[in-house]
Amino acid sequence: MPLYEYYCQHCNGIFETIRPMREASLPVPCVQCNRDAPRIMSSFNAFTFRDGYPRRIPDKGTYWHMGREVKQRATRMVGWEHPELAAPKPRPRALKGDVEVQREKRLTERTGAAYRDRWGIDEHGFRTVKAKKRKPQRKTIAPG
């Protein structure tokens, strides 16, 4: 049975009573002066937990993190920083020496690929289809 609030005009008091839903709109005798008191509409504020995060009622389908509304649950966080609330970090700039090393690495890979392609081996040293020897088909002459 739900809990309802009632207001007594005579003694200016508010009290709560547990009643069946079918009797909710009927007046209830006041606990102080025993006169009939009509029901008042009360409001409430509640939180519920879903997926380990608090959500407000009515639920808008959003989550709350540290008092701020977010759209998705945090799967990975660094410290207490939610990915949606964190400012994006700038990408680190490559140093001059790193750029040269990367260029030389690409050039070495390209020359190595050309060498392997010429001799028919892959990057692990195994023969490719191109390098496999194939026996010529024998031509047989039918007796006749």
N, C-alpha and C. Protein backbone atom coordinates (compact mmCIF):
# COMPACT_ATOMS: atom_id res chain seq x y z
N MET A 1 0.84 -1.18 0.00
CA MET A 1 0.00 0.00 0.00
C MET A 1 0.89 1.24 0.00
N PRO A 2 0.52 2.25 -0.78
CA PRO A 2 1.34 3.46 -0.87
C PRO A 2 1.13 4.41 0.30
N LEU A 3 2.05 5.32 0.43
CA LEU A 3 2.04 6.33 1.47
C LEU A 3 1.52 7.63 0.87
N TYR A 4 0.51 8.25 1.51
CA TYR A 4 -0.09 9.50 1.02
C TYR A 4 0.03 10.58 2.09
N GLU A 5 0.07 11.85 1.63
CA GLU A 5 0.14 12.99 2.54
C GLU A 5 -1.22 13.68 2.59
N TYR A 6 -1.59 14.13 3.78
CA TYR A 6 -2.86 14.82 4.01
C TYR A 6 -2.59 16.10 4.79
N TYR A 7 -3.45 17.14 4.55
CA TYR A 7 -3.30 18.44 5.20
C TYR A 7 -4.56 18.79 5.98
N CYS A 8 -4.37 19.07 7.26
CA CYS A 8 -5.49 19.47 8.11
C CYS A 8 -5.51 20.99 8.18
N GLN A 9 -6.62 21.63 7.73
CA GLN A 9 -6.72 23.09 7.73
C GLN A 9 -6.94 23.63 9.15
N HIS A 10 -7.57 22.86 9.99
CA HIS A 10 -7.89 23.34 11.34
C HIS A 10 -6.64 23.49 12.20
N CYS A 11 -5.81 22.46 12.23
CA CYS A 11 -4.59 22.53 13.06
C CYS A 11 -3.35 22.87 12.25
N ASN A 12 -3.50 23.09 10.91
CA ASN A 12 -2.41 23.50 10.01
C ASN A 12 -1.25 22.49 10.04
N GLY A 13 -1.60 21.21 9.99
CA GLY A 13 -0.58 20.17 10.05
C GLY A 13 -0.63 19.25 8.85
N ILE A 14 0.52 18.70 8.51
CA ILE A 14 0.63 17.74 7.41
C ILE A 14 1.03 16.41 8.03
N PHE A 15 0.35 15.34 7.63
CA PHE A 15 0.67 14.02 8.14
C PHE A 15 0.56 13.00 7.01
N GLU A 16 1.19 11.85 7.23
CA GLU A 16 1.22 10.79 6.22
C GLU A 16 0.45 9.58 6.72
N THR A 17 -0.18 8.89 5.76
CA THR A 17 -0.92 7.68 6.11
C THR A 17 -0.77 6.66 4.99
N ILE A 18 -0.63 5.40 5.37
CA ILE A 18 -0.58 4.32 4.39
C ILE A 18 -2.01 3.85 4.18
N ARG A 19 -2.46 3.91 2.92
CA ARG A 19 -3.85 3.54 2.60
C ARG A 19 -3.88 2.79 1.28
N PRO A 20 -4.95 2.02 1.04
CA PRO A 20 -5.11 1.39 -0.27
C PRO A 20 -5.35 2.45 -1.34
N MET A 21 -5.01 2.15 -2.57
CA MET A 21 -5.14 3.12 -3.66
C MET A 21 -6.60 3.51 -3.90
N ARG A 22 -7.51 2.61 -3.70
CA ARG A 22 -8.93 2.94 -3.95
C ARG A 22 -9.47 3.93 -2.93
N GLU A 23 -8.83 4.07 -1.76
CA GLU A 23 -9.28 5.00 -0.72
C GLU A 23 -8.39 6.24 -0.64
N ALA A 24 -7.48 6.44 -1.59
CA ALA A 24 -6.51 7.52 -1.52
C ALA A 24 -7.16 8.90 -1.56
N SER A 25 -8.21 9.10 -2.35
CA SER A 25 -8.81 10.43 -2.49
C SER A 25 -9.80 10.76 -1.38
N LEU A 26 -10.20 9.80 -0.56
CA LEU A 26 -11.14 10.05 0.53
C LEU A 26 -10.42 10.76 1.68
N PRO A 27 -11.12 11.68 2.38
CA PRO A 27 -10.48 12.36 3.51
C PRO A 27 -10.18 11.39 4.66
N VAL A 28 -9.19 11.75 5.49
CA VAL A 28 -8.73 10.92 6.60
C VAL A 28 -8.84 11.76 7.88
N PRO A 29 -9.23 11.18 9.00
CA PRO A 29 -9.25 11.95 10.25
C PRO A 29 -7.83 12.37 10.67
N CYS A 30 -7.70 13.61 11.09
CA CYS A 30 -6.40 14.16 11.50
C CYS A 30 -5.93 13.45 12.76
N VAL A 31 -4.63 13.28 12.89
CA VAL A 31 -4.07 12.60 14.06
C VAL A 31 -4.08 13.51 15.29
N GLN A 32 -4.13 14.85 15.08
CA GLN A 32 -4.11 15.81 16.20
C GLN A 32 -5.53 16.13 16.70
N CYS A 33 -6.39 16.60 15.74
CA CYS A 33 -7.71 17.08 16.14
C CYS A 33 -8.86 16.15 15.73
N ASN A 34 -8.57 15.10 15.04
CA ASN A 34 -9.54 14.09 14.63
C ASN A 34 -10.60 14.61 13.65
N ARG A 35 -10.32 15.69 12.92
CA ARG A 35 -11.22 16.20 11.89
C ARG A 35 -10.76 15.68 10.53
N ASP A 36 -11.68 15.70 9.56
CA ASP A 36 -11.34 15.20 8.22
C ASP A 36 -10.33 16.13 7.54
N ALA A 37 -9.29 15.50 6.94
CA ALA A 37 -8.24 16.24 6.23
C ALA A 37 -8.16 15.72 4.80
N PRO A 38 -8.20 16.63 3.81
CA PRO A 38 -8.10 16.19 2.41
C PRO A 38 -6.65 15.84 2.05
N ARG A 39 -6.53 15.06 1.01
CA ARG A 39 -5.20 14.63 0.52
C ARG A 39 -4.55 15.77 -0.25
N ILE A 40 -3.24 15.91 -0.12
CA ILE A 40 -2.49 16.89 -0.91
C ILE A 40 -1.55 16.13 -1.84
N MET A 41 -1.23 16.77 -2.95
CA MET A 41 -0.30 16.17 -3.92
C MET A 41 1.12 16.51 -3.49
N SER A 42 1.90 15.51 -3.23
CA SER A 42 3.27 15.72 -2.79
C SER A 42 4.22 15.37 -3.93
N SER A 43 5.37 16.01 -3.93
CA SER A 43 6.39 15.71 -4.93
C SER A 43 7.60 15.11 -4.22
N PHE A 44 8.40 14.42 -4.96
CA PHE A 44 9.59 13.81 -4.38
C PHE A 44 10.71 13.86 -5.39
N ASN A 45 11.92 13.74 -4.90
CA ASN A 45 13.10 13.70 -5.73
C ASN A 45 13.85 12.43 -5.36
N ALA A 46 14.16 11.62 -6.35
CA ALA A 46 14.78 10.34 -6.06
C ALA A 46 15.88 10.03 -7.05
N PHE A 47 16.81 9.20 -6.62
CA PHE A 47 17.87 8.67 -7.47
C PHE A 47 17.73 7.17 -7.51
N THR A 48 18.12 6.59 -8.60
CA THR A 48 18.19 5.14 -8.68
C THR A 48 19.56 4.79 -9.27
N PHE A 49 20.03 3.60 -9.01
CA PHE A 49 21.32 3.17 -9.54
C PHE A 49 21.09 2.14 -10.64
N ARG A 50 21.69 2.37 -11.79
CA ARG A 50 21.65 1.42 -12.87
C ARG A 50 23.04 1.35 -13.47
N ASP A 51 23.56 0.17 -13.66
CA ASP A 51 24.92 -0.06 -14.17
C ASP A 51 25.97 0.55 -13.24
N GLY A 52 25.65 0.70 -11.96
CA GLY A 52 26.61 1.23 -11.01
C GLY A 52 26.68 2.73 -10.97
N TYR A 53 25.87 3.43 -11.78
CA TYR A 53 25.88 4.88 -11.81
C TYR A 53 24.53 5.41 -11.33
N PRO A 54 24.51 6.51 -10.58
CA PRO A 54 23.22 7.06 -10.15
C PRO A 54 22.49 7.70 -11.33
N ARG A 55 21.17 7.52 -11.36
CA ARG A 55 20.34 8.13 -12.39
C ARG A 55 19.16 8.80 -11.72
N ARG A 56 18.75 9.93 -12.25
CA ARG A 56 17.61 10.64 -11.69
C ARG A 56 16.32 10.05 -12.21
N ILE A 57 15.25 10.23 -11.44
CA ILE A 57 13.92 9.80 -11.86
C ILE A 57 13.14 11.07 -12.15
N PRO A 58 12.49 11.29 -13.25
CA PRO A 58 12.33 10.37 -14.38
C PRO A 58 13.64 10.24 -15.15
N ASP A 59 13.85 9.09 -15.69
CA ASP A 59 15.10 8.74 -16.34
C ASP A 59 15.11 9.25 -17.78
N LYS A 60 16.12 10.06 -18.13
CA LYS A 60 16.27 10.56 -19.50
C LYS A 60 17.21 9.70 -20.32
N GLY A 61 17.72 8.63 -19.73
CA GLY A 61 18.65 7.77 -20.45
C GLY A 61 20.08 8.25 -20.35
N THR A 62 20.35 9.18 -19.42
CA THR A 62 21.71 9.69 -19.24
C THR A 62 22.25 9.20 -17.90
N TYR A 63 23.56 9.34 -17.74
CA TYR A 63 24.23 8.94 -16.51
C TYR A 63 24.74 10.19 -15.80
N TRP A 64 25.11 10.05 -14.55
CA TRP A 64 25.66 11.16 -13.78
C TRP A 64 27.03 10.77 -13.28
N HIS A 65 27.99 11.68 -13.46
CA HIS A 65 29.36 11.45 -12.98
C HIS A 65 29.80 12.69 -12.23
N MET A 66 30.06 12.54 -10.94
CA MET A 66 30.53 13.63 -10.09
C MET A 66 29.61 14.86 -10.18
N GLY A 67 28.30 14.63 -10.21
CA GLY A 67 27.33 15.72 -10.24
C GLY A 67 27.09 16.31 -11.61
N ARG A 68 27.68 15.77 -12.65
CA ARG A 68 27.48 16.29 -14.00
C ARG A 68 26.89 15.20 -14.88
N GLU A 69 26.05 15.60 -15.82
CA GLU A 69 25.34 14.66 -16.68
C GLU A 69 26.22 14.24 -17.85
N VAL A 70 26.29 12.93 -18.10
CA VAL A 70 27.05 12.39 -19.22
C VAL A 70 26.16 11.44 -20.00
N LYS A 71 26.47 11.22 -21.28
CA LYS A 71 25.61 10.40 -22.13
C LYS A 71 25.92 8.92 -22.06
N GLN A 72 27.18 8.56 -21.79
CA GLN A 72 27.57 7.15 -21.78
C GLN A 72 28.33 6.82 -20.51
N ARG A 73 28.28 5.53 -20.14
CA ARG A 73 29.08 5.05 -19.02
C ARG A 73 30.55 5.13 -19.36
N ALA A 74 31.35 5.39 -18.37
CA ALA A 74 32.79 5.42 -18.59
C ALA A 74 33.33 4.00 -18.51
N THR A 75 33.98 3.55 -19.56
CA THR A 75 34.60 2.23 -19.53
C THR A 75 36.07 2.33 -19.13
N ARG A 76 36.72 3.39 -19.54
CA ARG A 76 38.12 3.62 -19.17
C ARG A 76 38.26 5.05 -18.68
N MET A 77 38.81 5.19 -17.50
CA MET A 77 39.04 6.53 -16.95
C MET A 77 40.45 6.61 -16.40
N VAL A 78 41.02 7.80 -16.47
CA VAL A 78 42.31 8.06 -15.85
C VAL A 78 42.00 8.88 -14.60
N GLY A 79 42.17 8.26 -13.45
CA GLY A 79 41.81 8.94 -12.21
C GLY A 79 40.30 9.07 -12.12
N TRP A 80 39.82 10.29 -11.83
CA TRP A 80 38.38 10.54 -11.73
C TRP A 80 37.87 11.27 -12.96
N GLU A 81 38.63 11.31 -14.02
CA GLU A 81 38.29 12.10 -15.20
C GLU A 81 37.46 11.28 -16.18
N HIS A 82 36.21 11.67 -16.37
CA HIS A 82 35.32 10.99 -17.33
C HIS A 82 35.72 11.42 -18.74
N PRO A 83 35.72 10.49 -19.72
CA PRO A 83 36.14 10.85 -21.08
C PRO A 83 35.31 11.96 -21.72
N GLU A 84 34.01 12.05 -21.41
CA GLU A 84 33.18 13.10 -22.02
C GLU A 84 33.45 14.46 -21.40
N LEU A 85 33.88 14.49 -20.15
CA LEU A 85 34.08 15.76 -19.46
C LEU A 85 35.52 16.26 -19.57
N ALA A 86 36.43 15.40 -19.96
CA ALA A 86 37.85 15.76 -20.04
C ALA A 86 38.12 16.55 -21.31
N ALA A 87 38.96 17.55 -21.20
CA ALA A 87 39.37 18.32 -22.38
C ALA A 87 40.31 17.45 -23.21
N PRO A 88 40.18 17.49 -24.54
CA PRO A 88 41.07 16.67 -25.37
C PRO A 88 42.52 17.14 -25.25
N LYS A 89 43.40 16.18 -25.16
CA LYS A 89 44.82 16.50 -25.04
C LYS A 89 45.43 16.64 -26.44
N PRO A 90 46.30 17.63 -26.64
CA PRO A 90 46.91 17.80 -27.96
C PRO A 90 47.88 16.67 -28.26
N ARG A 91 47.96 16.31 -29.54
CA ARG A 91 48.90 15.27 -29.96
C ARG A 91 50.32 15.79 -29.83
N PRO A 92 51.23 14.96 -29.33
CA PRO A 92 52.61 15.43 -29.21
C PRO A 92 53.25 15.57 -30.60
N ARG A 93 54.01 16.63 -30.77
CA ARG A 93 54.68 16.86 -32.05
C ARG A 93 55.92 15.98 -32.14
N ALA A 94 56.16 15.48 -33.33
CA ALA A 94 57.33 14.64 -33.55
C ALA A 94 58.59 15.51 -33.60
N LEU A 95 59.66 15.03 -33.01
CA LEU A 95 60.92 15.76 -33.05
C LEU A 95 61.60 15.56 -34.40
N LYS A 96 62.57 16.42 -34.71
CA LYS A 96 63.24 16.36 -36.01
C LYS A 96 63.94 15.01 -36.21
N GLY A 97 64.59 14.51 -35.19
CA GLY A 97 65.28 13.22 -35.29
C GLY A 97 64.30 12.07 -35.50
N ASP A 98 63.12 12.14 -34.85
CA ASP A 98 62.12 11.09 -35.01
C ASP A 98 61.58 11.04 -36.43
N VAL A 99 61.41 12.22 -37.04
CA VAL A 99 60.90 12.27 -38.42
C VAL A 99 61.90 11.60 -39.36
N GLU A 100 63.19 11.86 -39.16
CA GLU A 100 64.21 11.25 -40.02
C GLU A 100 64.26 9.74 -39.83
N VAL A 101 64.13 9.29 -38.59
CA VAL A 101 64.16 7.85 -38.31
C VAL A 101 62.97 7.17 -38.98
N GLN A 102 61.79 7.76 -38.89
CA GLN A 102 60.60 7.19 -39.52
C GLN A 102 60.76 7.12 -41.04
N ARG A 103 61.34 8.17 -41.64
CA ARG A 103 61.55 8.18 -43.09
C ARG A 103 62.52 7.07 -43.51
N GLU A 104 63.61 6.91 -42.77
CA GLU A 104 64.57 5.85 -43.09
C GLU A 104 63.95 4.47 -42.90
N LYS A 105 63.11 4.31 -41.90
CA LYS A 105 62.45 3.03 -41.66
C LYS A 105 61.52 2.68 -42.82
N ARG A 106 60.76 3.66 -43.31
CA ARG A 106 59.87 3.41 -44.47
C ARG A 106 60.68 3.05 -45.71
N LEU A 107 61.81 3.74 -45.92
CA LEU A 107 62.66 3.47 -47.09
C LEU A 107 63.23 2.06 -47.00
N THR A 108 63.67 1.64 -45.81
CA THR A 108 64.21 0.30 -45.63
C THR A 108 63.15 -0.76 -45.87
N GLU A 109 61.94 -0.52 -45.38
CA GLU A 109 60.85 -1.47 -45.60
C GLU A 109 60.52 -1.59 -47.09
N ARG A 110 60.53 -0.47 -47.80
CA ARG A 110 60.22 -0.50 -49.22
C ARG A 110 61.28 -1.26 -50.02
N THR A 111 62.57 -1.02 -49.71
CA THR A 111 63.61 -1.74 -50.43
C THR A 111 63.61 -3.22 -50.07
N GLY A 112 63.32 -3.53 -48.80
CA GLY A 112 63.23 -4.93 -48.40
C GLY A 112 62.08 -5.64 -49.10
N ALA A 113 60.94 -4.95 -49.26
CA ALA A 113 59.79 -5.55 -49.95
C ALA A 113 60.12 -5.80 -51.42
N ALA A 114 60.85 -4.88 -52.05
CA ALA A 114 61.23 -5.08 -53.45
C ALA A 114 62.18 -6.27 -53.58
N TYR A 115 63.12 -6.41 -52.66
CA TYR A 115 64.05 -7.54 -52.68
C TYR A 115 63.31 -8.86 -52.51
N ARG A 116 62.41 -8.92 -51.50
CA ARG A 116 61.67 -10.15 -51.24
C ARG A 116 60.77 -10.50 -52.42
N ASP A 117 60.19 -9.49 -53.06
CA ASP A 117 59.32 -9.74 -54.21
C ASP A 117 60.14 -10.32 -55.37
N ARG A 118 61.35 -9.81 -55.56
CA ARG A 118 62.18 -10.30 -56.67
C ARG A 118 62.55 -11.76 -56.48
N TRP A 119 62.89 -12.15 -55.26
CA TRP A 119 63.33 -13.51 -55.01
C TRP A 119 62.21 -14.44 -54.56
N GLY A 120 61.02 -13.92 -54.42
CA GLY A 120 59.85 -14.76 -54.13
C GLY A 120 59.77 -15.27 -52.72
N ILE A 121 60.10 -14.42 -51.75
CA ILE A 121 59.94 -14.81 -50.35
C ILE A 121 59.10 -13.74 -49.64
N ASP A 122 58.41 -14.17 -48.58
CA ASP A 122 57.61 -13.20 -47.84
C ASP A 122 58.45 -12.62 -46.70
N GLU A 123 57.83 -11.77 -45.83
CA GLU A 123 58.60 -11.08 -44.78
C GLU A 123 59.12 -12.04 -43.70
N HIS A 124 58.60 -13.27 -43.65
CA HIS A 124 59.07 -14.25 -42.67
C HIS A 124 60.10 -15.21 -43.26
N GLY A 125 60.40 -15.09 -44.54
CA GLY A 125 61.42 -15.91 -45.17
C GLY A 125 60.88 -17.15 -45.86
N PHE A 126 59.57 -17.31 -45.94
CA PHE A 126 58.99 -18.46 -46.62
C PHE A 126 58.78 -18.15 -48.09
N ARG A 127 58.80 -19.19 -48.88
CA ARG A 127 58.62 -19.01 -50.33
C ARG A 127 57.18 -18.65 -50.64
N THR A 128 57.02 -17.78 -51.58
CA THR A 128 55.68 -17.39 -52.01
C THR A 128 55.28 -18.25 -53.20
N VAL A 129 54.05 -18.11 -53.64
CA VAL A 129 53.53 -18.88 -54.76
C VAL A 129 54.34 -18.58 -56.02
N LYS A 130 54.81 -17.37 -56.13
CA LYS A 130 55.57 -16.94 -57.30
C LYS A 130 56.87 -17.73 -57.43
N ALA A 131 57.49 -18.11 -56.32
CA ALA A 131 58.80 -18.75 -56.35
C ALA A 131 58.74 -20.28 -56.41
N LYS A 132 57.58 -20.86 -56.21
CA LYS A 132 57.49 -22.31 -56.19
C LYS A 132 57.71 -22.86 -57.59
N LYS A 133 58.48 -23.94 -57.64
CA LYS A 133 58.74 -24.56 -58.93
C LYS A 133 57.53 -25.37 -59.34
N ARG A 134 57.22 -25.28 -60.57
CA ARG A 134 56.08 -26.04 -61.09
C ARG A 134 56.58 -27.00 -62.16
N LYS A 135 56.09 -28.20 -62.05
CA LYS A 135 56.47 -29.19 -63.05
C LYS A 135 55.61 -28.98 -64.29
N PRO A 136 56.25 -29.04 -65.45
CA PRO A 136 55.44 -28.89 -66.67
C PRO A 136 54.54 -30.11 -66.82
N GLN A 137 53.38 -29.88 -67.39
CA GLN A 137 52.45 -30.98 -67.59
C GLN A 137 53.00 -31.91 -68.69
N ARG A 138 52.87 -33.18 -68.45
CA ARG A 138 53.33 -34.16 -69.43
C ARG A 138 52.28 -34.33 -70.50
N LYS A 139 52.77 -34.41 -71.66
CA LYS A 139 51.86 -34.66 -72.76
C LYS A 139 51.91 -36.14 -73.07
N THR A 140 50.80 -36.75 -73.04
CA THR A 140 50.75 -38.17 -73.34
C THR A 140 50.08 -38.37 -74.70
N ILE A 141 50.64 -39.28 -75.37
CA ILE A 141 50.06 -39.57 -76.68
C ILE A 141 49.23 -40.83 -76.53
N ALA A 142 48.04 -40.73 -76.94
CA ALA A 142 47.15 -41.86 -76.82
C ALA A 142 47.48 -42.89 -77.89
N PRO A 143 47.44 -44.17 -77.50
CA PRO A 143 47.71 -45.18 -78.54
C PRO A 143 46.61 -45.12 -79.58
N GLY A 144 46.99 -45.28 -80.72
CA GLY A 144 45.92 -45.20 -81.67
C GLY A 144 46.16 -45.41 -83.05
